[in-house]
Protein backbone atom coordinates (compact mmCIF):
# COMPACT_ATOMS: atom_id res chain seq x y z
CA MET A 1 -20.09 -70.59 -70.42
CA ALA A 2 -21.10 -67.68 -72.42
CA ASP A 3 -19.03 -65.04 -74.16
CA PHE A 4 -21.65 -62.40 -73.71
CA VAL A 5 -24.82 -62.23 -71.58
CA ILE A 6 -27.94 -60.34 -72.53
CA VAL A 7 -30.08 -59.37 -69.56
CA PRO A 8 -33.56 -58.30 -70.68
CA THR A 9 -35.52 -55.88 -68.51
CA SER A 10 -38.70 -53.78 -68.78
CA ASP A 11 -38.96 -50.07 -67.71
CA SER A 12 -40.50 -51.14 -64.41
CA PRO A 13 -38.39 -50.14 -61.43
CA MET A 14 -38.75 -53.58 -59.88
CA ASP A 15 -37.64 -55.29 -63.05
CA LEU A 16 -34.78 -52.96 -63.35
CA GLN A 17 -33.60 -53.63 -59.79
CA GLN A 18 -33.57 -57.35 -60.47
CA ALA A 19 -31.88 -56.92 -63.82
CA TRP A 20 -29.10 -54.85 -62.11
CA ASP A 21 -28.45 -57.71 -59.77
CA THR A 22 -28.38 -60.25 -62.61
CA LEU A 23 -26.08 -58.00 -64.62
CA ASP A 24 -23.63 -57.60 -61.68
CA ARG A 25 -23.49 -61.33 -61.24
CA ALA A 26 -23.00 -62.02 -64.96
CA ARG A 27 -20.31 -59.39 -65.36
CA ARG A 28 -18.16 -61.23 -62.79
CA ALA A 29 -17.63 -63.96 -65.45
CA THR A 30 -18.08 -62.31 -68.78
CA ARG A 31 -19.23 -59.29 -70.70
CA ALA A 32 -22.88 -58.48 -70.33
CA ALA A 33 -25.37 -55.72 -70.97
CA LEU A 34 -29.11 -54.89 -70.33
CA LEU A 35 -31.56 -55.04 -73.14
CA PRO A 36 -34.65 -52.88 -72.49
CA VAL A 37 -37.73 -54.75 -73.73
CA ARG A 38 -41.53 -54.09 -73.80
CA VAL A 39 -40.57 -50.36 -73.71
CA GLU A 40 -43.25 -47.73 -74.07
CA ALA A 41 -41.02 -44.95 -75.35
CA ASN A 42 -43.21 -41.96 -74.67
CA THR A 43 -43.80 -42.66 -71.03
CA ASN A 44 -42.39 -41.28 -67.74
CA ALA A 45 -41.42 -44.85 -66.78
CA TRP A 46 -39.08 -45.14 -69.88
CA ALA A 47 -37.64 -41.75 -69.31
CA GLN A 48 -36.90 -42.52 -65.64
CA THR A 49 -35.37 -45.89 -66.62
CA LEU A 50 -33.18 -44.32 -69.26
CA ALA A 51 -32.06 -41.71 -66.77
CA ALA A 52 -31.24 -44.33 -64.20
CA LEU A 53 -29.22 -46.39 -66.62
CA GLU A 54 -27.33 -43.34 -67.71
CA GLN A 55 -26.71 -42.09 -64.17
CA THR A 56 -25.40 -45.42 -63.10
CA ASP A 57 -23.30 -45.95 -66.31
CA THR A 58 -25.02 -49.28 -66.75
CA ALA A 59 -23.88 -51.31 -69.76
CA ARG A 60 -26.84 -51.51 -72.09
CA PHE A 61 -27.71 -51.99 -75.67
CA ASP A 62 -28.28 -48.85 -77.82
CA THR A 63 -31.23 -50.76 -79.25
CA PHE A 64 -34.42 -51.11 -77.27
CA ILE A 65 -37.46 -53.29 -78.02
CA ALA A 66 -40.72 -51.47 -78.02
CA LYS A 67 -43.87 -53.01 -76.77
CA ARG A 68 -45.83 -53.99 -79.88
CA GLN A 69 -49.07 -55.92 -80.30
CA PRO A 70 -47.98 -57.50 -83.64
CA ILE A 71 -44.93 -59.06 -81.90
CA LYS A 72 -46.97 -59.96 -78.76
CA THR A 73 -49.49 -61.83 -80.85
CA SER A 74 -47.16 -63.53 -83.31
CA LEU A 75 -46.73 -66.96 -81.58
CA GLY A 76 -46.42 -69.59 -84.19
CA ILE A 77 -46.22 -67.40 -87.19
CA ASN A 78 -43.41 -65.56 -88.88
CA PRO A 79 -43.88 -61.81 -88.28
CA LYS A 80 -44.07 -59.64 -91.45
CA GLN A 81 -42.05 -56.90 -89.83
CA LEU A 82 -39.08 -57.28 -87.49
CA TYR A 83 -39.21 -53.69 -86.03
CA GLU A 84 -36.27 -53.16 -83.59
CA TYR A 85 -35.16 -56.81 -83.74
CA ARG A 86 -33.31 -56.07 -87.04
CA ASP A 87 -31.44 -53.24 -85.29
CA LEU A 88 -30.66 -55.52 -82.35
CA ALA A 89 -29.28 -58.21 -84.79
CA ASP A 90 -26.97 -55.57 -86.36
CA GLU A 91 -25.83 -54.41 -82.87
CA LEU A 92 -25.11 -58.02 -81.83
CA THR A 93 -23.13 -58.57 -85.05
CA ARG A 94 -21.02 -55.49 -84.37
CA ILE A 95 -20.27 -56.64 -80.76
CA ALA A 96 -19.33 -60.07 -82.10
CA LYS A 97 -16.95 -58.51 -84.60
CA GLU A 98 -15.41 -56.40 -81.83
CA GLU A 99 -14.96 -59.59 -79.75
CA LEU A 100 -13.13 -61.30 -82.58
CA ALA A 101 -10.84 -58.30 -83.41
């Protein structure tokens, strides 16, 4: 049993459709939100995804994880830069504190 479910999704329409289904199922049992990952921020796909999430009032993280080569190729090593992952950790900490309050 989880206290909070994170549903990752890319900005692909097919991925988003599947993520919505997973999110709906997860929210029947606990709090859940979408986490956009591998986002290419200056593309039409991201703009359309963001618009769809806002139009449907989908629970999502404020933080999104951009598609980055240094992260993609960092298997087995400690990355020198955390990029958006530090912001995500801060957001998760805030959510956890709200849960405990």
